N, C-alpha and C. Protein backbone atom coordinates (compact mmCIF):
# COMPACT_ATOMS: atom_id res chain seq x y z
N MET A 1 99.47 49.42 129.18
CA MET A 1 98.35 50.74 128.53
C MET A 1 99.09 51.51 128.13
N SER A 2 99.68 51.91 128.96
CA SER A 2 99.73 53.38 127.86
C SER A 2 102.59 52.98 127.34
N SER A 3 102.35 53.72 126.41
CA SER A 3 103.63 53.79 125.66
C SER A 3 104.71 53.16 126.87
N ALA A 4 106.02 52.99 126.29
CA ALA A 4 106.98 52.93 127.06
C ALA A 4 107.49 54.24 126.62
N PRO A 5 107.91 55.40 125.43
CA PRO A 5 108.28 57.05 125.43
C PRO A 5 107.04 58.19 125.74
N MET A 6 105.82 57.29 126.10
CA MET A 6 105.55 58.41 127.02
C MET A 6 105.81 58.36 128.83
N ASN A 7 106.17 57.10 128.77
CA ASN A 7 106.45 57.17 130.59
C ASN A 7 107.77 57.31 130.87
N ILE A 8 108.61 57.35 129.69
CA ILE A 8 109.84 58.07 130.27
C ILE A 8 109.29 59.55 129.89
N ALA A 9 108.76 60.34 129.11
CA ALA A 9 108.79 61.93 129.06
C ALA A 9 108.03 62.46 130.32
N SER A 10 107.14 61.35 130.91
CA SER A 10 106.59 61.57 131.52
C SER A 10 107.41 61.58 133.27
N ALA A 11 108.64 60.80 133.34
CA ALA A 11 109.38 60.33 134.41
C ALA A 11 110.41 61.89 134.08
N ILE A 12 110.62 62.43 133.11
CA ILE A 12 111.99 63.61 132.77
C ILE A 12 110.75 64.35 132.72
N GLN A 13 110.28 64.99 132.43
CA GLN A 13 109.57 66.43 133.41
C GLN A 13 108.96 66.37 134.60
N SER A 14 108.13 64.77 135.02
CA SER A 14 107.67 65.40 136.85
C SER A 14 109.61 65.40 137.92
N ALA A 15 110.48 64.82 137.34
CA ALA A 15 111.73 64.72 136.74
C ALA A 15 112.62 66.48 137.39
N SER A 16 112.13 66.42 136.67
CA SER A 16 112.77 67.86 136.24
C SER A 16 111.66 69.42 137.24
N ILE A 17 110.77 69.90 137.69
CA ILE A 17 109.97 69.99 138.75
C ILE A 17 110.36 70.27 139.49
N LYS A 18 111.05 71.53 140.74
CA LYS A 18 111.46 71.99 141.84
C LYS A 18 110.54 71.78 142.13
N ARG A 19 110.42 71.45 143.27
CA ARG A 19 109.15 71.46 144.09
C ARG A 19 109.55 72.79 145.13
N HIS A 20 110.23 72.46 145.82
CA HIS A 20 110.35 74.04 146.50
C HIS A 20 111.45 74.41 146.24
N PRO A 21 111.17 75.71 145.44
CA PRO A 21 112.55 76.48 144.85
C PRO A 21 113.40 77.07 145.96
N SER A 22 114.66 78.08 145.61
CA SER A 22 115.00 78.98 146.24
C SER A 22 115.31 80.07 145.71
N PRO A 23 114.86 80.54 146.20
CA PRO A 23 115.18 82.43 145.54
C PRO A 23 116.63 82.67 145.44
N ARG A 24 117.43 82.12 146.25
CA ARG A 24 119.09 82.56 146.15
C ARG A 24 119.97 82.16 145.30
N HIS A 25 119.67 80.38 144.76
CA HIS A 25 120.25 79.88 143.76
C HIS A 25 118.94 79.26 142.30
N ASP A 26 117.74 79.19 141.75
CA ASP A 26 116.70 79.98 141.75
C ASP A 26 116.88 81.01 140.15
N LEU A 27 117.23 81.41 140.93
CA LEU A 27 116.84 83.75 140.17
C LEU A 27 117.93 83.15 139.14
N ASN A 28 117.42 83.71 137.73
CA ASN A 28 118.34 84.30 136.68
C ASN A 28 120.03 84.68 137.18
N PRO A 29 120.65 84.69 136.65
CA PRO A 29 122.38 85.37 136.94
C PRO A 29 122.22 86.79 137.09
N SER A 30 122.77 87.31 137.19
CA SER A 30 122.91 88.94 137.90
C SER A 30 123.81 89.10 136.17
N THR A 31 123.17 89.80 135.59
CA THR A 31 123.93 90.98 134.28
C THR A 31 123.99 91.74 134.59
N ALA A 32 125.49 92.71 133.87
CA ALA A 32 125.55 94.44 133.52
C ALA A 32 124.20 95.06 133.72
N ALA A 33 122.71 94.86 133.50
CA ALA A 33 121.66 95.97 133.35
C ALA A 33 121.09 95.28 134.78
N SER A 34 121.63 94.02 136.07
CA SER A 34 120.76 94.42 136.57
C SER A 34 121.30 95.24 137.82
N SER A 35 122.82 95.52 137.51
CA SER A 35 122.67 97.10 138.33
C SER A 35 123.10 98.50 137.60
N LYS A 36 121.95 98.87 137.91
CA LYS A 36 122.38 100.12 137.01
C LYS A 36 122.43 101.34 138.02
N GLN A 37 123.57 101.66 137.32
CA GLN A 37 124.28 102.84 138.02
C GLN A 37 124.27 103.95 137.18
N PRO A 38 123.42 105.63 137.30
CA PRO A 38 122.62 106.80 136.85
C PRO A 38 124.24 107.29 136.56
N VAL A 39 124.39 107.86 135.48
CA VAL A 39 125.52 108.49 134.62
C VAL A 39 125.52 110.05 134.82
N GLU A 40 126.37 110.70 135.63
CA GLU A 40 126.03 111.74 136.31
C GLU A 40 127.21 113.08 135.56
N PRO A 41 126.42 113.49 134.67
CA PRO A 41 126.80 115.19 133.13
C PRO A 41 127.93 115.93 134.63
N THR A 42 129.15 115.93 133.46
CA THR A 42 130.29 116.68 134.10
C THR A 42 130.08 117.93 133.79
N SER A 43 129.78 118.92 134.61
CA SER A 43 130.01 120.55 133.55
C SER A 43 131.73 121.07 132.53
N PRO A 44 131.18 121.46 131.97
CA PRO A 44 131.99 122.16 131.03
C PRO A 44 133.07 123.06 131.03
N THR A 45 133.68 123.15 133.04
CA THR A 45 134.61 123.62 132.97
C THR A 45 135.70 122.18 133.31
N SER A 46 135.19 121.27 133.79
CA SER A 46 136.24 120.56 134.27
C SER A 46 136.12 119.32 132.72
N SER A 47 136.02 119.47 131.72
CA SER A 47 136.41 118.64 130.63
C SER A 47 137.66 119.10 129.93
N VAL A 48 138.17 117.76 129.33
CA VAL A 48 138.39 117.57 128.78
C VAL A 48 139.09 117.80 128.06
N ALA A 49 140.57 118.48 127.24
CA ALA A 49 140.79 118.85 126.25
C ALA A 49 140.42 117.52 125.09
N SER A 50 139.59 118.75 124.19
CA SER A 50 139.14 117.47 122.32
C SER A 50 140.59 117.30 122.25
N ASN A 51 140.31 115.50 121.99
CA ASN A 51 141.54 114.91 121.18
C ASN A 51 140.55 113.87 119.94
N ALA A 52 140.92 113.42 119.90
CA ALA A 52 140.79 112.75 118.50
C ALA A 52 140.12 110.92 119.15
N ASN A 53 140.28 110.74 120.24
CA ASN A 53 138.88 109.87 120.82
C ASN A 53 138.11 110.57 121.46
N SER A 54 137.97 111.56 122.12
CA SER A 54 136.83 112.04 122.61
C SER A 54 135.81 111.88 121.89
N ILE A 55 134.35 112.25 122.65
CA ILE A 55 133.04 112.10 121.73
C ILE A 55 132.49 113.24 121.71
N PRO A 56 132.10 113.85 120.69
CA PRO A 56 131.37 115.55 120.13
C PRO A 56 130.54 115.64 120.95
N GLU A 57 130.50 117.08 121.38
CA GLU A 57 129.49 117.21 122.60
C GLU A 57 128.19 117.25 121.58
N SER A 58 127.53 117.65 120.18
CA SER A 58 126.56 117.20 119.24
C SER A 58 126.02 115.94 119.29
N ALA A 59 127.27 114.83 120.07
CA ALA A 59 126.48 113.61 120.17
C ALA A 59 125.82 113.01 120.64
N LEU A 60 126.94 114.01 122.51
CA LEU A 60 125.93 113.32 123.24
C LEU A 60 124.58 114.35 124.15
N ARG A 61 124.45 115.43 123.43
CA ARG A 61 123.28 116.11 123.61
C ARG A 61 123.05 116.59 122.35
N PRO A 62 122.31 116.15 121.31
CA PRO A 62 121.84 116.21 120.44
C PRO A 62 120.37 117.85 120.55
N ILE A 63 120.41 118.18 119.59
CA ILE A 63 119.18 119.21 119.39
C ILE A 63 117.62 118.37 119.58
N PRO A 64 116.99 118.81 120.57
CA PRO A 64 116.12 118.12 120.04
C PRO A 64 115.09 118.60 118.96
N ARG A 65 114.95 117.76 117.89
CA ARG A 65 113.39 117.69 116.68
C ARG A 65 112.60 118.36 116.56
N LYS A 66 111.46 119.52 116.04
CA LYS A 66 110.39 119.59 116.18
C LYS A 66 109.37 119.00 116.03
N LYS A 67 108.46 118.66 116.87
CA LYS A 67 107.56 117.47 116.20
C LYS A 67 106.68 118.42 115.40
N THR A 68 106.32 117.72 114.47
CA THR A 68 105.58 118.70 112.70
C THR A 68 104.59 117.45 112.51
N LEU A 69 104.71 116.38 112.73
CA LEU A 69 104.10 115.44 112.03
C LEU A 69 102.83 114.76 113.86
N PRO A 70 101.40 114.75 113.48
CA PRO A 70 100.65 114.25 114.29
C PRO A 70 100.66 113.03 114.63
N PRO A 71 100.67 112.62 116.50
CA PRO A 71 100.35 110.97 115.76
C PRO A 71 99.52 110.06 115.37
N LEU A 72 100.52 109.29 115.61
CA LEU A 72 99.70 108.23 114.11
C LEU A 72 98.55 107.55 115.28
N PRO A 73 97.36 107.63 114.44
CA PRO A 73 96.32 106.77 115.01
C PRO A 73 96.27 105.44 115.20
N ASP A 74 95.70 105.03 116.27
CA ASP A 74 95.61 103.32 116.65
C ASP A 74 94.51 102.93 115.82
N MET A 75 95.09 102.10 114.96
CA MET A 75 95.01 101.57 113.82
C MET A 75 93.99 99.93 114.39
N ARG A 76 94.44 99.81 115.66
CA ARG A 76 94.08 98.40 115.96
C ARG A 76 92.74 98.47 115.90
N PHE A 77 91.85 96.60 116.01
CA PHE A 77 90.60 95.98 116.01
C PHE A 77 90.64 96.71 116.65
N GLU A 78 90.79 96.19 117.79
CA GLU A 78 89.99 96.15 119.12
C GLU A 78 89.24 97.94 119.78
N GLN A 79 90.22 98.93 119.31
CA GLN A 79 89.64 99.98 119.53
C GLN A 79 88.45 100.52 118.78
N SER A 80 88.65 99.99 117.28
CA SER A 80 87.27 100.37 117.15
C SER A 80 86.19 98.89 117.41
N TYR A 81 85.87 98.31 117.76
CA TYR A 81 85.30 96.55 118.37
C TYR A 81 84.79 98.15 119.28
N LEU A 82 85.80 98.21 120.24
CA LEU A 82 84.96 98.33 121.73
C LEU A 82 84.13 99.76 121.34
N ALA A 83 84.54 100.82 120.62
CA ALA A 83 83.61 101.75 119.88
C ALA A 83 82.72 101.55 119.88
N SER A 84 82.72 100.96 118.37
CA SER A 84 80.66 100.53 118.29
C SER A 84 80.37 99.44 119.39
N LEU A 85 80.94 98.79 120.32
CA LEU A 85 80.02 98.26 121.24
C LEU A 85 79.51 99.05 122.24
N GLN A 86 79.97 100.55 122.53
CA GLN A 86 79.57 101.54 123.40
C GLN A 86 78.10 101.54 123.63
N GLY A 87 77.46 101.70 121.98
CA GLY A 87 75.82 102.38 121.80
C GLY A 87 74.96 100.54 122.40
N ALA A 88 75.72 99.51 122.56
CA ALA A 88 75.10 98.14 122.49
C ALA A 88 74.19 97.63 124.31
N ASP A 89 73.35 98.07 124.50
CA ASP A 89 72.29 97.76 125.19
C ASP A 89 71.76 96.17 125.72
N THR A 90 71.66 95.01 124.29
CA THR A 90 71.14 93.99 124.54
C THR A 90 72.60 93.22 124.45
N TYR A 91 72.03 91.77 124.74
CA TYR A 91 73.21 90.90 124.49
C TYR A 91 73.16 90.47 122.50
N TRP A 92 72.07 90.68 122.36
CA TRP A 92 71.50 90.65 120.65
C TRP A 92 72.40 91.82 119.91
N LYS A 93 72.00 93.59 119.94
CA LYS A 93 73.36 94.19 119.89
C LYS A 93 74.32 93.92 120.16
N ILE A 94 75.03 93.45 120.51
CA ILE A 94 75.93 92.95 121.00
C ILE A 94 77.27 91.47 120.44
N ALA A 95 75.77 90.67 120.06
CA ALA A 95 75.51 89.54 118.82
C ALA A 95 76.50 89.97 117.53
N TRP A 96 74.60 90.97 116.75
CA TRP A 96 75.16 91.34 115.74
C TRP A 96 76.30 92.43 115.89
N ILE A 97 76.76 92.64 116.30
CA ILE A 97 77.82 94.34 116.44
C ILE A 97 79.07 93.13 115.97
N THR A 98 79.16 91.80 117.05
CA THR A 98 80.05 90.65 117.50
C THR A 98 80.31 89.94 115.23
N GLY A 99 79.29 89.93 114.98
CA GLY A 99 79.30 89.16 114.10
C GLY A 99 79.76 90.11 111.96
N ARG A 100 78.76 91.23 112.25
CA ARG A 100 79.25 92.26 111.26
C ARG A 100 80.44 92.59 111.56
N ASP A 101 81.13 93.05 112.71
CA ASP A 101 82.45 93.45 112.48
C ASP A 101 83.54 91.76 112.19
N GLN A 102 83.55 90.91 112.34
CA GLN A 102 84.33 89.50 112.54
C GLN A 102 83.74 88.88 112.00
N VAL A 103 82.93 88.99 111.43
CA VAL A 103 82.61 87.72 110.28
C VAL A 103 81.68 88.38 109.18
N PHE A 104 80.78 89.27 109.07
CA PHE A 104 80.10 89.27 107.61
C PHE A 104 81.45 90.76 106.77
N LEU A 105 82.28 91.73 107.56
CA LEU A 105 82.99 92.50 106.83
C LEU A 105 83.74 92.49 106.38
N PRO A 106 84.81 91.46 106.89
CA PRO A 106 86.10 90.71 106.83
C PRO A 106 85.65 89.71 105.34
N LEU A 107 84.69 89.24 105.70
CA LEU A 107 83.62 87.98 104.58
C LEU A 107 83.62 89.23 102.52
N VAL A 108 82.73 90.21 103.31
CA VAL A 108 82.73 90.75 102.12
C VAL A 108 83.88 91.76 101.00
N GLN A 109 84.52 91.89 102.43
CA GLN A 109 85.85 92.82 101.93
C GLN A 109 87.12 92.07 101.26
N GLY A 110 87.19 90.40 101.37
CA GLY A 110 88.07 89.47 100.80
C GLY A 110 87.43 88.66 99.92
N MET A 111 86.04 88.89 99.46
CA MET A 111 85.59 88.89 98.96
C MET A 111 85.32 89.21 97.20
N LEU A 112 85.04 90.83 97.38
CA LEU A 112 85.24 92.08 96.68
C LEU A 112 87.23 91.59 96.27
N TRP A 113 87.95 92.29 97.26
CA TRP A 113 89.32 92.39 97.05
C TRP A 113 89.60 91.03 95.90
N THR A 114 89.16 89.77 96.19
CA THR A 114 89.42 88.20 95.59
C THR A 114 88.75 88.40 94.32
N LEU A 115 87.42 88.77 93.97
CA LEU A 115 87.04 89.17 92.30
C LEU A 115 87.79 90.40 91.94
N LEU A 116 88.36 91.97 92.49
CA LEU A 116 88.44 92.67 91.73
C LEU A 116 90.24 92.15 91.31
N LEU A 117 91.05 90.63 92.11
CA LEU A 117 91.82 90.18 91.72
C LEU A 117 92.35 89.75 90.47
N SER A 118 91.05 88.91 90.48
CA SER A 118 90.65 87.75 89.32
C SER A 118 90.29 88.68 88.26
N GLY A 119 89.59 89.33 88.35
CA GLY A 119 89.34 90.61 87.09
C GLY A 119 90.54 91.00 86.48
N TRP A 120 91.01 91.58 87.22
CA TRP A 120 92.37 92.50 86.90
C TRP A 120 92.98 91.29 86.14
N ARG A 121 93.15 89.88 86.67
CA ARG A 121 94.12 88.93 85.79
C ARG A 121 94.15 88.43 84.36
N TYR A 122 92.13 88.03 84.50
CA TYR A 122 91.90 87.80 83.61
C TYR A 122 91.87 89.14 82.15
N TRP A 123 91.50 90.92 82.70
CA TRP A 123 92.00 91.15 81.91
C TRP A 123 93.41 91.17 81.11
N ASN A 124 94.09 91.71 82.10
CA ASN A 124 95.74 90.83 81.72
C ASN A 124 96.31 90.66 80.81
N ARG A 125 95.21 89.14 81.43
CA ARG A 125 96.13 87.95 80.06
C ARG A 125 95.23 87.67 78.93
N GLY A 126 94.26 88.41 78.55
CA GLY A 126 93.27 89.18 77.78
C GLY A 126 94.23 90.31 77.09
N ALA A 127 94.55 90.69 77.61
CA ALA A 127 95.12 92.41 76.57
C ALA A 127 96.99 91.64 76.39
N GLN A 128 97.61 90.91 77.43
CA GLN A 128 99.09 90.41 76.74
C GLN A 128 99.14 90.32 75.59
N LEU A 129 97.75 88.42 75.45
CA LEU A 129 97.45 87.51 74.25
C LEU A 129 96.82 88.41 73.56
N GLN A 130 96.51 89.77 73.04
CA GLN A 130 96.71 90.12 72.21
C GLN A 130 97.43 91.70 71.86
N GLY A 131 98.14 91.73 72.95
CA GLY A 131 99.29 92.68 72.62
C GLY A 131 99.13 94.54 73.02
N ALA A 132 98.16 94.00 73.64
CA ALA A 132 97.60 95.66 73.91
C ALA A 132 97.75 95.91 75.40
N SER A 133 98.86 95.10 76.03
CA SER A 133 99.11 94.93 77.73
C SER A 133 99.61 96.90 77.95
N MET A 134 99.45 97.02 78.87
CA MET A 134 100.01 98.07 79.33
C MET A 134 101.23 98.94 78.70
N GLY A 135 102.36 98.15 79.10
CA GLY A 135 103.43 98.08 78.40
C GLY A 135 103.73 98.33 76.82
N SER A 136 103.02 97.81 76.37
CA SER A 136 102.88 98.20 74.92
C SER A 136 102.24 99.72 74.64
N LYS A 137 100.55 99.84 75.74
CA LYS A 137 100.46 101.27 75.52
C LYS A 137 101.11 102.15 75.76
N VAL A 138 102.17 102.36 76.62
CA VAL A 138 102.79 103.23 77.12
C VAL A 138 104.06 102.83 76.25
N ARG A 139 104.31 102.59 75.84
CA ARG A 139 105.70 102.24 74.45
C ARG A 139 104.81 102.84 73.56
N ARG A 140 103.91 102.53 73.22
CA ARG A 140 103.47 103.37 71.80
C ARG A 140 102.70 105.16 72.20
N TRP A 141 102.54 104.98 73.49
CA TRP A 141 102.58 106.80 73.03
C TRP A 141 103.36 107.30 73.59
N TRP A 142 104.94 106.75 74.12
CA TRP A 142 106.35 107.58 74.18
C TRP A 142 106.88 107.62 72.92
N TRP A 143 106.16 106.06 71.79
CA TRP A 143 107.02 106.52 70.59
C TRP A 143 106.22 108.26 69.83
N ARG A 144 105.15 107.74 70.03
CA ARG A 144 104.56 108.94 69.08
C ARG A 144 104.77 110.69 70.23
N VAL A 145 104.96 110.42 70.82
CA VAL A 145 105.39 112.15 71.93
C VAL A 145 106.62 112.36 71.20
N ASN A 146 107.67 111.30 71.20
CA ASN A 146 108.21 111.60 70.45
C ASN A 146 109.20 111.40 69.01
N ASN A 147 107.65 111.47 68.07
CA ASN A 147 107.89 111.72 66.79
C ASN A 147 108.43 110.40 66.04
N TRP A 148 108.29 108.90 66.70
CA TRP A 148 109.46 108.13 66.19
C TRP A 148 108.58 107.03 65.39
N LYS A 149 108.71 106.58 64.10
CA LYS A 149 108.21 106.18 63.47
C LYS A 149 108.02 104.64 64.55
N ILE A 150 106.44 103.98 63.82
CA ILE A 150 106.44 103.04 64.92
C ILE A 150 106.33 102.02 63.70
N PRO A 151 107.28 100.70 64.30
CA PRO A 151 107.60 99.72 63.33
C PRO A 151 106.01 98.34 62.61
N GLU A 152 105.86 98.80 61.40
CA GLU A 152 104.47 97.96 61.23
C GLU A 152 104.87 96.48 60.86
N GLU A 153 105.08 95.38 61.29
CA GLU A 153 105.22 94.41 61.10
C GLU A 153 104.42 93.19 61.05
N THR A 154 104.26 92.30 60.38
CA THR A 154 102.91 91.85 59.79
C THR A 154 103.29 90.31 61.20
N GLN A 155 102.43 89.41 61.29
CA GLN A 155 102.23 88.23 61.85
C GLN A 155 103.89 87.02 61.90
N GLU A 156 103.19 87.65 59.74
CA GLU A 156 104.85 86.00 59.32
C GLU A 156 105.57 86.86 59.49
N GLN A 157 106.10 87.94 58.93
CA GLN A 157 107.23 88.84 59.42
C GLN A 157 107.96 88.00 61.66
N ILE A 158 106.57 88.84 62.28
CA ILE A 158 107.77 88.24 63.03
C ILE A 158 107.75 87.12 64.20
N SER A 159 106.70 86.09 62.94
CA SER A 159 106.89 84.37 63.17
C SER A 159 108.15 84.06 62.74
N GLU A 160 109.01 84.65 61.11
CA GLU A 160 110.21 83.91 60.29
C GLU A 160 111.12 84.84 61.40
N LYS A 161 110.94 85.28 62.16
CA LYS A 161 112.48 85.80 63.10
C LYS A 161 112.11 85.55 64.63
N ALA A 162 111.64 85.19 64.89
CA ALA A 162 111.28 84.04 65.80
C ALA A 162 111.68 82.89 65.63
N GLY A 163 111.55 82.00 64.41
CA GLY A 163 111.86 80.86 64.38
C GLY A 163 113.59 80.89 63.21
N GLU A 164 114.12 82.56 63.47
CA GLU A 164 115.41 82.25 63.27
C GLU A 164 116.10 81.81 64.25
N PHE A 165 115.51 82.78 65.22
CA PHE A 165 115.74 83.14 66.60
C PHE A 165 116.09 82.03 67.75
N TYR A 166 115.04 81.34 67.33
CA TYR A 166 115.40 79.38 67.88
C TYR A 166 116.24 78.95 67.17
N THR A 167 116.21 78.67 65.91
CA THR A 167 117.00 78.01 65.10
C THR A 167 118.62 78.48 65.42
N ALA A 168 118.98 79.24 65.41
CA ALA A 168 119.83 79.68 65.94
C ALA A 168 120.17 79.81 67.34
N GLN A 169 119.68 79.40 68.50
CA GLN A 169 119.63 79.21 69.71
C GLN A 169 120.27 77.78 69.79
N LEU A 170 119.34 77.20 68.95
CA LEU A 170 119.52 75.23 69.14
C LEU A 170 120.10 74.96 68.21
N GLY A 171 120.47 75.32 67.21
CA GLY A 171 121.63 75.27 66.30
C GLY A 171 121.47 73.83 65.14
N GLY A 172 119.88 74.37 64.67
CA GLY A 172 119.37 73.88 63.79
C GLY A 172 119.20 72.38 64.12
N LEU A 173 119.00 71.82 65.35
CA LEU A 173 118.60 70.72 65.84
C LEU A 173 117.29 70.46 65.76
N ASP A 174 116.26 69.60 65.13
CA ASP A 174 115.29 69.02 64.66
C ASP A 174 114.42 68.38 65.50
């Protein structure tokens, strides 16, 4: 009925289970963090003269910083979900709030974000093909600000330069 690999795995697993563990033998071994010893500060009168190997006092006792920023807000989902559940008094209201917060709103958010990105990609693709990308607009603006002459090349001149470039790169291979 059962396969040999399953029997072997079951035997290994059941053999490794300790039925009666001993606290003296089965606990993790002690480490340096197991035995904590408090640090006792030394008084300034008993300090040794400063040398190259000593740690400066400013590193040992840094000046406390002023608290200038407010605490960070709690942005976890659970807090806002529990806050919206406070006014619910029936199971239907709880179901509605849960469906709204966990299904409907994430669905709408994802749909709007996808539509925004798709629209941006579509517009950007068309702008690049027409030579009206954001980079070319910024470049033209910069040239106008500096009163530089914008080169006016025809499509034939550009394609001729491109053909010469590829001919030079490929070594005249046809």
